[in-house]
Amino acid sequence: MVISGWNKKYNEILKEFGYSKKDDIESAKILNSKITKKIPKKTLTKLIQNNDVFIIGAGPSLLKSIKTLKKFSNGVKIVADGAIQAFLENDLKADILVTDLDGDLKSIKKIGKTNTLIFVHAHGDNMEKLDLVSGFKNWAGTTQTKEFGKLYNFGGFTDGDRCVFLANYFNAKNIILVGMDFGNTIGKYSKNISNKTLKRKKLRFGKGLLEWISLKSKSNLYTTSRPINGFKKISLSDLEQILNY
C-alpha cells in the first residue's frame, strides 16, 4: 500500500508541472507489460528493514563523499540515476539503482548486466526509453499513479526522493543522504539537463517531499549535504560514531 497522503501529493505534482495523468498511466501500462516476474516485497524487506541505508544523489557534494562511502561497505546503498556513473568510476557497489532512464545510459546499461536491483520508473515523458529494460538482469517497475499489475508505488517524484521513499517504506533503521544537495548548483553527474530552471524547480519540490515524509517516517533521518527540515545535519566524519562502525 502506498504511503498515506501520496495521492494528494501526486495531484499537486500534476498541477504544478502540467503533467498528464493519462500519459503517466499509459507509460505505466507499457512498463508493466515488460515485467515477467514481480520482485517480492520480502526480498526488499530483507535487504532494507532495520539496516543502515545510504541514499546517494548526483549533487555537487557527491565527489567529496566517495572516499567516506567506501568505508561503509556494510551499509545498503540506494543510488539515484546519474550518481551510478560516479559509483562505476570509483568501483563502488550499488545495491539498488532508482532511475527513470534519463541519466547516463551507458552506465545504466552496464549496471543492468549486474545483480544490482534496478527500479525503473514509468512516467509520461519516458515511454520511448522503456525498451531498455529488455537488457536488464534484475529489475522492477514503479509508477506514480495507482499501483496495478506487477508495478510498485512507494511514493516520491524525483529519482533522489524516490530512493528515500523506498527506504522508508521498508523501515530502514537509519537513512543517510549523501550527495543530495537540493541547491541551485547542478552536479556533474546530472545528465541531459536541457532546462536547468525546470531541474531546479523539481529539486525544490523533491526537497519538500522529503520534509513531508520526515513527519511520517519512523527511521532515523540524516543528511550529510545541505540542511533539510526533518533530517539531522551531520558531517561525513560523524558517520562512524553515529552508525557504530
Protein backbone atom coordinates (compact mmCIF):
# COMPACT_ATOMS: atom_id res chain seq x y z
CA MET A 1 0.00 0.00 0.00
CA VAL A 2 1.35 3.42 -0.97
CA ILE A 3 2.16 5.85 1.84
CA SER A 4 -0.87 7.68 3.21
CA GLY A 5 -1.40 11.06 1.54
CA TRP A 6 0.55 10.23 -1.61
CA ASN A 7 -2.40 10.64 -3.98
CA LYS A 8 -2.80 14.24 -2.84
CA LYS A 9 0.90 14.88 -3.39
CA TYR A 10 0.73 13.29 -6.83
CA ASN A 11 -2.13 15.58 -7.83
CA GLU A 12 -0.05 18.54 -6.65
CA ILE A 13 2.77 17.38 -8.95
CA LEU A 14 0.41 17.12 -11.93
CA LYS A 15 -0.88 20.64 -11.29
CA GLU A 16 2.49 22.23 -10.53
CA PHE A 17 4.32 20.82 -13.58
CA GLY A 18 1.43 20.44 -16.02
CA TYR A 19 1.92 16.70 -16.43
CA SER A 20 -0.69 14.38 -17.88
CA LYS A 21 -2.07 11.64 -15.65
CA LYS A 22 -3.24 9.87 -18.80
CA ASP A 23 0.33 9.78 -20.14
CA ASP A 24 1.65 8.55 -16.79
CA ILE A 25 -0.84 5.68 -16.87
CA GLU A 26 0.00 4.83 -20.47
CA SER A 27 3.71 4.71 -19.66
CA ALA A 28 2.99 2.52 -16.63
CA LYS A 29 0.99 0.11 -18.78
CA ILE A 30 3.90 -0.20 -21.22
CA LEU A 31 6.37 -0.87 -18.42
CA ASN A 32 4.07 -3.35 -16.71
CA SER A 33 3.74 -5.32 -19.94
CA LYS A 34 7.51 -5.87 -19.97
CA ILE A 35 7.74 -7.35 -16.46
CA THR A 36 7.84 -11.13 -16.42
CA LYS A 37 8.11 -11.57 -12.64
CA LYS A 38 7.39 -9.15 -9.80
CA ILE A 39 10.17 -8.75 -7.22
CA PRO A 40 8.58 -9.92 -3.94
CA LYS A 41 8.36 -7.45 -1.07
CA LYS A 42 10.02 -9.94 1.26
CA THR A 43 13.21 -9.62 -0.81
CA LEU A 44 13.23 -5.87 -0.28
CA THR A 45 12.30 -6.19 3.39
CA LYS A 46 15.28 -8.48 3.97
CA LEU A 47 17.62 -6.02 2.27
CA ILE A 48 16.39 -2.78 3.85
CA GLN A 49 14.47 -3.34 7.10
CA ASN A 50 16.38 -2.29 10.24
CA ASN A 51 19.52 -1.62 8.20
CA ASP A 52 21.63 1.47 7.59
CA VAL A 53 20.66 2.81 4.17
CA PHE A 54 22.70 5.37 2.27
CA ILE A 55 20.78 7.38 -0.33
CA ILE A 56 23.23 8.58 -2.96
CA GLY A 57 22.32 11.58 -5.12
CA ALA A 58 24.16 13.19 -8.01
CA GLY A 59 24.59 16.57 -6.36
CA PRO A 60 27.86 18.55 -6.39
CA SER A 61 28.88 17.24 -2.93
CA LEU A 62 28.96 13.62 -4.14
CA LEU A 63 32.58 13.56 -5.25
CA LYS A 64 33.97 14.59 -1.86
CA SER A 65 31.86 11.85 -0.27
CA ILE A 66 33.20 8.92 -2.29
CA LYS A 67 36.16 8.16 -0.01
CA THR A 68 33.90 8.05 3.04
CA LEU A 69 31.32 5.84 1.32
CA LYS A 70 33.99 3.23 0.67
CA LYS A 71 34.38 2.79 4.44
CA PHE A 72 30.77 1.72 4.86
CA SER A 73 30.68 -1.49 2.88
CA ASN A 74 28.07 -2.97 5.25
CA GLY A 75 25.51 -0.25 4.61
CA VAL A 76 22.82 -0.63 1.95
CA LYS A 77 23.41 1.81 -0.89
CA ILE A 78 20.46 3.05 -2.93
CA VAL A 79 21.67 5.18 -5.83
CA ALA A 80 19.70 7.81 -7.71
CA ASP A 81 20.04 7.69 -11.50
CA GLY A 82 23.05 9.79 -12.61
CA ALA A 83 25.05 9.04 -9.45
CA ILE A 84 25.57 5.49 -10.70
CA GLN A 85 28.24 6.81 -13.08
CA ALA A 86 30.27 8.01 -10.09
CA PHE A 87 29.88 4.58 -8.48
CA LEU A 88 31.23 2.84 -11.56
CA GLU A 89 34.13 5.24 -11.88
CA ASN A 90 35.12 4.65 -8.26
CA ASP A 91 34.50 0.89 -8.00
CA LEU A 92 31.64 1.24 -5.54
CA LYS A 93 28.87 -1.36 -5.37
CA ALA A 94 25.25 -0.24 -5.56
CA ASP A 95 22.58 -2.46 -4.02
CA ILE A 96 19.71 -0.64 -5.73
CA LEU A 97 19.54 1.86 -8.59
CA VAL A 98 16.44 4.07 -8.85
CA THR A 99 16.03 5.57 -12.31
CA ASP A 100 13.60 6.98 -14.83
CA LEU A 101 16.25 6.35 -17.50
CA ASP A 102 17.27 9.97 -18.06
CA GLY A 103 20.77 9.60 -16.59
CA ASP A 104 23.93 8.32 -18.22
CA LEU A 105 22.55 5.46 -20.31
CA LYS A 106 25.96 3.84 -20.80
CA SER A 107 26.33 3.50 -17.03
CA ILE A 108 22.74 2.37 -16.55
CA LYS A 109 23.11 -0.32 -19.21
CA LYS A 110 26.34 -1.52 -17.61
CA ILE A 111 24.73 -1.81 -14.18
CA GLY A 112 21.78 -3.54 -15.81
CA LYS A 113 24.03 -6.52 -16.56
CA THR A 114 24.94 -6.97 -12.88
CA ASN A 115 22.95 -8.22 -9.90
CA THR A 116 22.16 -4.67 -8.76
CA LEU A 117 18.39 -4.33 -8.45
CA ILE A 118 17.13 -1.56 -10.73
CA PHE A 119 13.83 0.18 -10.03
CA VAL A 120 12.68 1.62 -13.35
CA HIS A 121 10.11 4.38 -13.04
CA ALA A 122 7.40 4.98 -15.65
CA HIS A 123 6.08 8.46 -16.35
CA GLY A 124 4.64 10.27 -19.32
CA ASP A 125 7.97 11.59 -20.60
CA ASN A 126 9.97 8.36 -20.83
CA MET A 127 7.78 5.92 -22.78
CA GLU A 128 10.28 5.78 -25.63
CA LYS A 129 13.07 4.62 -23.29
CA LEU A 130 11.29 1.75 -21.60
CA ASP A 131 12.56 -0.81 -24.11
CA LEU A 132 15.92 -0.53 -22.36
CA VAL A 133 14.66 -2.86 -19.63
CA SER A 134 15.00 -5.79 -22.03
CA GLY A 135 18.75 -5.69 -21.35
CA PHE A 136 18.45 -5.61 -17.54
CA LYS A 137 19.22 -8.70 -15.46
CA ASN A 138 17.47 -7.76 -12.20
CA TRP A 139 14.81 -5.08 -12.24
CA ALA A 140 11.38 -3.99 -11.04
CA GLY A 141 8.91 -1.33 -12.14
CA THR A 142 7.40 1.64 -10.35
CA THR A 143 4.65 4.11 -11.15
CA GLN A 144 3.47 7.36 -9.59
CA THR A 145 -0.15 6.50 -10.36
CA LYS A 146 -2.26 3.84 -8.66
CA GLU A 147 -0.46 0.50 -8.35
CA PHE A 148 -1.55 -2.20 -10.74
CA GLY A 149 -0.20 -5.37 -12.28
CA LYS A 150 3.43 -6.00 -11.30
CA LEU A 151 4.25 -2.34 -10.58
CA TYR A 152 5.02 -0.76 -7.23
CA ASN A 153 4.33 2.75 -5.98
CA PHE A 154 6.34 3.63 -2.90
CA GLY A 155 5.82 7.37 -3.42
CA GLY A 156 8.25 10.06 -4.50
CA PHE A 157 8.80 12.28 -7.51
CA THR A 158 12.45 12.79 -8.48
CA ASP A 159 14.87 9.85 -8.53
CA GLY A 160 16.51 11.06 -5.33
CA ASP A 161 13.44 11.43 -3.17
CA ARG A 162 12.02 8.16 -4.57
CA CYS A 163 15.10 6.45 -3.10
CA VAL A 164 14.17 7.85 0.32
CA PHE A 165 10.52 6.83 -0.03
CA LEU A 166 11.68 3.31 -0.89
CA ALA A 167 13.95 3.07 2.17
CA ASN A 168 11.23 4.49 4.38
CA TYR A 169 8.60 2.07 3.02
CA PHE A 170 10.68 -0.90 4.13
CA ASN A 171 11.55 0.61 7.52
CA ALA A 172 15.26 1.29 7.28
CA LYS A 173 16.85 1.88 10.67
CA ASN A 174 18.90 4.86 9.51
CA ILE A 175 18.50 6.78 6.27
CA ILE A 176 21.59 8.84 5.40
CA LEU A 177 21.56 11.26 2.47
CA VAL A 178 24.82 11.67 0.56
CA GLY A 179 25.15 13.97 -2.46
CA MET A 180 21.51 15.03 -2.06
CA ASP A 181 22.09 18.78 -2.19
CA PHE A 182 18.82 20.24 -3.50
CA GLY A 183 20.56 23.54 -4.22
CA ASN A 184 20.92 25.77 -7.28
CA THR A 185 24.15 24.12 -8.43
CA ILE A 186 23.58 21.03 -10.57
CA GLY A 187 26.17 18.29 -10.14
CA LYS A 188 28.35 16.98 -12.99
CA TYR A 189 26.61 13.59 -12.86
CA SER A 190 23.16 15.04 -13.52
CA LYS A 191 22.88 14.28 -17.23
CA ASN A 192 20.77 15.56 -20.12
CA ILE A 193 19.64 18.75 -18.38
CA SER A 194 18.25 20.89 -21.20
CA ASN A 195 16.20 23.09 -18.86
CA LYS A 196 18.12 23.95 -15.70
CA THR A 197 15.31 26.16 -14.38
CA LEU A 198 12.91 23.21 -14.52
CA LYS A 199 15.54 20.94 -12.93
CA ARG A 200 15.92 23.31 -10.00
CA LYS A 201 12.15 23.51 -9.62
CA LYS A 202 11.96 19.70 -9.49
CA LEU A 203 14.71 19.62 -6.88
CA ARG A 204 12.83 22.13 -4.71
CA PHE A 205 9.69 20.04 -4.97
CA GLY A 206 11.65 16.88 -4.16
CA LYS A 207 13.09 18.55 -1.08
CA GLY A 208 9.58 19.45 0.01
CA LEU A 209 8.53 15.82 -0.32
CA LEU A 210 11.40 14.76 1.92
CA GLU A 211 10.33 17.29 4.53
CA TRP A 212 6.81 15.89 4.27
CA ILE A 213 7.84 12.26 4.66
CA SER A 214 10.09 13.13 7.59
CA LEU A 215 6.92 13.84 9.57
CA LYS A 216 5.70 10.29 8.92
CA SER A 217 8.92 8.27 8.98
CA LYS A 218 9.99 6.01 11.84
CA SER A 219 13.56 5.85 10.53
CA ASN A 220 16.40 7.98 11.87
CA LEU A 221 16.96 10.59 9.17
CA TYR A 222 20.32 12.23 8.44
CA THR A 223 21.80 14.40 5.72
CA THR A 224 25.49 14.95 5.00
CA SER A 225 24.57 17.54 2.39
CA ARG A 226 22.52 20.74 2.57
CA PRO A 227 20.10 21.13 5.52
CA ILE A 228 16.64 19.60 5.11
CA ASN A 229 13.88 20.06 7.68
CA GLY A 230 13.29 16.78 9.49
CA PHE A 231 16.78 15.42 8.72
CA LYS A 232 19.64 15.82 11.19
CA LYS A 233 22.57 17.60 9.55
CA ILE A 234 25.80 15.71 10.16
CA SER A 235 29.31 15.74 8.73
CA LEU A 236 30.80 12.82 6.86
CA SER A 237 33.26 12.34 9.73
CA ASP A 238 30.34 11.88 12.16
CA LEU A 239 29.05 8.77 10.41
CA GLU A 240 31.34 6.21 12.04
CA GLN A 241 30.30 7.34 15.50
CA ILE A 242 26.58 7.52 14.69
CA LEU A 243 26.47 4.15 12.96
CA ASN A 244 28.85 2.47 15.43
CA TYR A 245 31.11 1.14 12.71
